[in-house]
Amino acid sequence: MDDLDRAEVIESLEREAALRRHAARPRVVPDCESCGEVPAHVTSAGVTWRFCADCAAEHLAMRKAA
């Protein structure tokens, strides 16, 4: 086993460890900015909105009317 093989093994182990740490990190979903009672909406892509689903619909309707 030469230096390049060892470096490849080390890189692979470090990548796997980083992915495990990333997957294990805690995910905190903030409360809705408008009502403050319900957690904010999280889309299927993992994007956290500022509002819950109900308040987001109201917010978009207000922006559309303005």
C-alpha atoms as a PDB file:
ATOM      1  CA  MET A   1       0.000   0.000   0.000  1.00  0.00           C
ATOM      2  CA  ASP A   2       1.591   3.248  -1.100  1.00  0.00           C
ATOM      3  CA  ASP A   3       0.960   6.835   0.015  1.00  0.00           C
ATOM      4  CA  LEU A   4      -1.741   7.476  -2.593  1.00  0.00           C
ATOM      5  CA  ASP A   5      -3.712   4.420  -1.476  1.00  0.00           C
ATOM      6  CA  ARG A   6      -3.497   5.516   2.160  1.00  0.00           C
ATOM      7  CA  ALA A   7      -4.572   9.036   1.256  1.00  0.00           C
ATOM      8  CA  GLU A   8      -7.558   7.667  -0.668  1.00  0.00           C
ATOM      9  CA  VAL A   9      -8.632   5.527   2.302  1.00  0.00           C
ATOM     10  CA  ILE A  10      -8.249   8.432   4.723  1.00  0.00           C
ATOM     11  CA  GLU A  11     -10.208  10.746   2.428  1.00  0.00           C
ATOM     12  CA  SER A  12     -13.010   8.190   2.122  1.00  0.00           C
ATOM     13  CA  LEU A  13     -13.212   7.732   5.907  1.00  0.00           C
ATOM     14  CA  GLU A  14     -13.228  11.487   6.517  1.00  0.00           C
ATOM     15  CA  ARG A  15     -15.979  12.009   3.919  1.00  0.00           C
ATOM     16  CA  GLU A  16     -18.142   9.300   5.487  1.00  0.00           C
ATOM     17  CA  ALA A  17     -17.618  10.790   8.959  1.00  0.00           C
ATOM     18  CA  ALA A  18     -18.545  14.265   7.727  1.00  0.00           C
ATOM     19  CA  LEU A  19     -21.730  12.955   6.114  1.00  0.00           C
ATOM     20  CA  ARG A  20     -22.699  11.151   9.331  1.00  0.00           C
ATOM     21  CA  ARG A  21     -22.101  14.311  11.397  1.00  0.00           C
ATOM     22  CA  HIS A  22     -24.164  16.343   8.944  1.00  0.00           C
ATOM     23  CA  ALA A  23     -27.068  13.873   9.035  1.00  0.00           C
ATOM     24  CA  ALA A  24     -27.001  13.673  12.842  1.00  0.00           C
ATOM     25  CA  ARG A  25     -27.069  17.420  13.504  1.00  0.00           C
ATOM     26  CA  PRO A  26     -30.178  18.710  15.279  1.00  0.00           C
ATOM     27  CA  ARG A  27     -32.758  20.450  13.127  1.00  0.00           C
ATOM     28  CA  VAL A  28     -34.635  23.308  14.802  1.00  0.00           C
ATOM     29  CA  VAL A  29     -37.728  24.624  13.044  1.00  0.00           C
ATOM     30  CA  PRO A  30     -38.589  28.142  14.249  1.00  0.00           C
ATOM     31  CA  ASP A  31     -42.122  29.255  15.014  1.00  0.00           C
ATOM     32  CA  CYS A  32     -44.160  31.187  12.452  1.00  0.00           C
ATOM     33  CA  GLU A  33     -43.257  34.899  12.379  1.00  0.00           C
ATOM     34  CA  SER A  34     -46.891  35.928  11.976  1.00  0.00           C
ATOM     35  CA  CYS A  35     -48.890  33.858  14.478  1.00  0.00           C
ATOM     36  CA  GLY A  36     -46.015  32.530  16.597  1.00  0.00           C
ATOM     37  CA  GLU A  37     -48.019  29.451  17.578  1.00  0.00           C
ATOM     38  CA  VAL A  38     -47.290  26.941  14.828  1.00  0.00           C
ATOM     39  CA  PRO A  39     -43.869  25.800  13.569  1.00  0.00           C
ATOM     40  CA  ALA A  40     -42.859  27.307  10.241  1.00  0.00           C
ATOM     41  CA  HIS A  41     -43.560  25.315   7.090  1.00  0.00           C
ATOM     42  CA  VAL A  42     -40.739  23.096   5.796  1.00  0.00           C
ATOM     43  CA  THR A  43     -40.967  22.180   2.106  1.00  0.00           C
ATOM     44  CA  SER A  44     -40.141  18.771   0.682  1.00  0.00           C
ATOM     45  CA  ALA A  45     -36.816  20.218  -0.516  1.00  0.00           C
ATOM     46  CA  GLY A  46     -35.905  21.107   3.089  1.00  0.00           C
ATOM     47  CA  VAL A  47     -36.418  24.870   2.766  1.00  0.00           C
ATOM     48  CA  THR A  48     -37.816  26.477   5.930  1.00  0.00           C
ATOM     49  CA  TRP A  49     -40.326  29.254   5.278  1.00  0.00           C
ATOM     50  CA  ARG A  50     -40.840  32.225   7.584  1.00  0.00           C
ATOM     51  CA  PHE A  51     -44.531  31.427   8.035  1.00  0.00           C
ATOM     52  CA  CYS A  52     -46.707  28.387   8.682  1.00  0.00           C
ATOM     53  CA  ALA A  53     -48.748  27.174   5.712  1.00  0.00           C
ATOM     54  CA  ASP A  54     -51.892  29.141   6.698  1.00  0.00           C
ATOM     55  CA  CYS A  55     -50.075  32.435   7.338  1.00  0.00           C
ATOM     56  CA  ALA A  56     -48.037  32.003   4.146  1.00  0.00           C
ATOM     57  CA  ALA A  57     -51.254  31.825   2.117  1.00  0.00           C
ATOM     58  CA  GLU A  58     -52.532  34.988   3.808  1.00  0.00           C
ATOM     59  CA  HIS A  59     -49.200  36.759   3.284  1.00  0.00           C
ATOM     60  CA  LEU A  60     -49.120  35.878  -0.424  1.00  0.00           C
ATOM     61  CA  ALA A  61     -52.742  36.996  -0.852  1.00  0.00           C
ATOM     62  CA  MET A  62     -51.912  40.369   0.772  1.00  0.00           C
ATOM     63  CA  ARG A  63     -48.866  40.849  -1.475  1.00  0.00           C
ATOM     64  CA  LYS A  64     -50.903  39.981  -4.538  1.00  0.00           C
ATOM     65  CA  ALA A  65     -53.651  42.475  -3.566  1.00  0.00           C
ATOM     66  CA  ALA A  66     -51.156  45.286  -2.944  1.00  0.00           C
END
